[in-house]
């Protein structure tokens, strides 16, 4: 429970998912800020918990899924990172960072082809996204090296 509330708002967040009220959005923003601070400090479990609380308040905010995906990736929980990245993309298909999160989790899971596809979709959404373009080029080079090696 957040020290500044009596718990009522958090219960409201959990049980009223269909309608996100301004108070719930405010509480979600508080959890997001705490999650960002924990993430910056390398406390990925704590950050994951905060982003989960933010999602309980507002399950429609793609940023919370994106941020929690990054936490899961840092914890090497790549299937969870993929799931959150996919939900992020589902909510905001025009958010290139969602594809970047998905590409990274897929790459770390060993799915090189699928990772390249995710980065390509991110580039299709936003050609200026440096994360997708940089990593996509590296993956293409890695794939070429694999193909050019004699068996």
Protein backbone atom coordinates (compact mmCIF):
# COMPACT_ATOMS: atom_id res chain seq x y z
CA UNK A 1 0.00 0.00 0.00
CA UNK A 2 1.27 3.45 -0.86
CA UNK A 3 2.09 5.39 2.32
CA UNK A 4 0.00 8.36 1.22
CA UNK A 5 -3.25 6.38 0.78
CA UNK A 6 -5.48 4.37 3.03
CA UNK A 7 -5.57 1.49 0.56
CA UNK A 8 -8.99 2.42 -0.80
CA UNK A 9 -7.60 3.83 -4.03
CA UNK A 10 -5.46 0.75 -4.65
CA UNK A 11 -8.47 -1.53 -4.10
CA UNK A 12 -10.38 0.71 -6.49
CA UNK A 13 -7.58 0.28 -9.04
CA UNK A 14 -7.75 -3.51 -8.85
CA UNK A 15 -11.52 -3.92 -8.98
CA UNK A 16 -12.47 -1.24 -11.52
CA UNK A 17 -10.44 -2.25 -14.55
CA UNK A 18 -13.19 -1.59 -17.07
CA UNK A 19 -13.26 2.14 -16.36
CA UNK A 20 -10.09 4.04 -15.58
CA UNK A 21 -10.87 7.10 -13.49
CA UNK A 22 -8.64 10.18 -13.20
CA UNK A 23 -7.76 9.10 -9.64
CA UNK A 24 -6.69 5.70 -10.94
CA UNK A 25 -4.56 7.34 -13.65
CA UNK A 26 -2.92 9.49 -10.98
CA UNK A 27 -2.19 6.43 -8.83
CA UNK A 28 -0.83 4.60 -11.89
CA UNK A 29 1.49 7.54 -12.59
CA UNK A 30 2.78 7.33 -9.01
CA UNK A 31 3.56 3.63 -9.46
CA UNK A 32 5.16 4.31 -12.84
CA UNK A 33 7.48 6.93 -11.31
CA UNK A 34 8.43 4.50 -8.52
CA UNK A 35 9.02 1.81 -11.15
CA UNK A 36 11.21 4.11 -13.22
CA UNK A 37 13.27 4.98 -10.13
CA UNK A 38 13.69 1.32 -9.19
CA UNK A 39 14.63 0.42 -12.76
CA UNK A 40 17.25 3.19 -12.90
CA UNK A 41 18.72 1.85 -9.65
CA UNK A 42 18.90 -1.68 -11.10
CA UNK A 43 16.17 -2.97 -8.77
CA UNK A 44 14.28 -4.84 -11.47
CA UNK A 45 12.06 -6.95 -9.20
CA UNK A 46 10.88 -3.82 -7.38
CA UNK A 47 10.37 -2.04 -10.72
CA UNK A 48 8.34 -4.97 -12.03
CA UNK A 49 6.11 -4.82 -8.95
CA UNK A 50 5.52 -1.09 -9.41
CA UNK A 51 4.67 -1.41 -13.10
CA UNK A 52 2.32 -4.27 -12.24
CA UNK A 53 0.58 -1.99 -9.74
CA UNK A 54 0.37 0.71 -12.41
CA UNK A 55 -1.26 -1.81 -14.74
CA UNK A 56 -3.78 -2.74 -12.06
CA UNK A 57 -4.83 0.90 -12.05
CA UNK A 58 -4.70 1.41 -15.81
CA UNK A 59 -4.44 -1.75 -17.92
CA UNK A 60 -4.70 0.26 -21.14
CA UNK A 61 -1.45 2.22 -20.91
CA UNK A 62 1.04 0.73 -23.36
CA UNK A 63 4.02 2.39 -21.61
CA UNK A 64 3.48 0.32 -18.46
CA UNK A 65 3.70 -2.89 -20.52
CA UNK A 66 6.77 -1.60 -22.35
CA UNK A 67 8.52 -0.70 -19.10
CA UNK A 68 7.63 -3.98 -17.42
CA UNK A 69 8.87 -5.82 -20.52
CA UNK A 70 12.24 -4.12 -20.05
CA UNK A 71 12.28 -5.23 -16.40
CA UNK A 72 11.52 -8.83 -17.33
CA UNK A 73 14.25 -8.74 -19.98
CA UNK A 74 16.77 -7.54 -17.40
CA UNK A 75 15.65 -10.37 -15.12
CA UNK A 76 16.13 -12.79 -18.06
CA UNK A 77 12.44 -13.71 -17.99
CA UNK A 78 12.16 -13.47 -21.73
CA UNK A 79 8.78 -15.17 -22.22
CA UNK A 80 7.21 -12.60 -19.88
CA UNK A 81 9.13 -9.83 -21.65
CA UNK A 82 7.70 -11.04 -24.98
CA UNK A 83 4.16 -11.21 -23.60
CA UNK A 84 4.31 -7.65 -22.28
CA UNK A 85 5.90 -6.34 -25.47
CA UNK A 86 3.14 -7.99 -27.50
CA UNK A 87 0.45 -6.44 -25.29
CA UNK A 88 2.16 -3.06 -25.67
CA UNK A 89 2.07 -3.44 -29.47
CA UNK A 90 -1.55 -4.57 -29.34
CA UNK A 91 -2.49 -1.40 -27.46
CA UNK A 92 -0.32 0.93 -29.58
CA UNK A 93 0.72 -0.59 -32.92
CA UNK A 94 2.40 2.71 -33.85
CA UNK A 95 4.78 2.66 -30.84
CA UNK A 96 8.14 1.59 -32.26
CA UNK A 97 9.69 0.92 -28.85
CA UNK A 98 7.21 -1.92 -28.34
CA UNK A 99 8.70 -3.69 -31.35
CA UNK A 100 12.16 -3.00 -30.01
CA UNK A 101 11.23 -4.61 -26.68
CA UNK A 102 9.79 -7.61 -28.51
CA UNK A 103 12.80 -7.92 -30.79
CA UNK A 104 15.21 -7.91 -27.86
CA UNK A 105 13.28 -10.53 -25.90
CA UNK A 106 12.99 -12.76 -28.97
CA UNK A 107 16.69 -12.37 -29.74
CA UNK A 108 17.68 -13.27 -26.18
CA UNK A 109 15.34 -16.29 -26.41
CA UNK A 110 17.24 -17.48 -29.48
CA UNK A 111 14.63 -16.58 -32.09
CA UNK A 112 16.84 -14.60 -34.46
CA UNK A 113 14.46 -14.59 -37.42
CA UNK A 114 11.48 -13.52 -35.30
CA UNK A 115 13.61 -10.84 -33.63
CA UNK A 116 14.58 -9.44 -37.03
CA UNK A 117 10.93 -9.41 -38.03
CA UNK A 118 9.98 -7.48 -34.88
CA UNK A 119 12.70 -4.89 -35.52
CA UNK A 120 11.59 -4.59 -39.16
CA UNK A 121 8.01 -3.93 -38.03
CA UNK A 122 9.34 -1.28 -35.65
CA UNK A 123 11.19 0.37 -38.52
CA UNK A 124 8.04 0.27 -40.65
CA UNK A 125 6.27 2.21 -37.88
CA UNK A 126 9.08 4.74 -37.39
CA UNK A 127 12.12 4.83 -39.66
CA UNK A 128 13.86 7.19 -37.25
CA UNK A 129 13.91 4.77 -34.33
CA UNK A 130 17.60 4.29 -33.72
CA UNK A 131 17.21 1.21 -31.51
CA UNK A 132 15.39 -0.78 -34.17
CA UNK A 133 17.68 0.31 -37.00
CA UNK A 134 20.93 -0.26 -35.11
CA UNK A 135 19.98 -3.70 -33.86
CA UNK A 136 18.40 -4.73 -37.15
CA UNK A 137 21.65 -4.03 -38.99
CA UNK A 138 23.64 -6.05 -36.43
CA UNK A 139 21.23 -8.98 -36.68
CA UNK A 140 21.43 -8.94 -40.47
CA UNK A 141 25.22 -9.04 -40.28
CA UNK A 142 25.09 -11.89 -37.77
CA UNK A 143 22.68 -13.82 -39.99
CA UNK A 144 24.92 -13.30 -43.03
CA UNK A 145 27.94 -14.59 -41.09
CA UNK A 146 25.99 -17.69 -40.11
CA UNK A 147 24.93 -18.32 -43.68
CA UNK A 148 28.41 -17.78 -45.08
CA UNK A 149 30.16 -20.21 -42.69
CA UNK A 150 31.06 -23.52 -44.31
CA UNK A 151 29.26 -26.50 -42.82
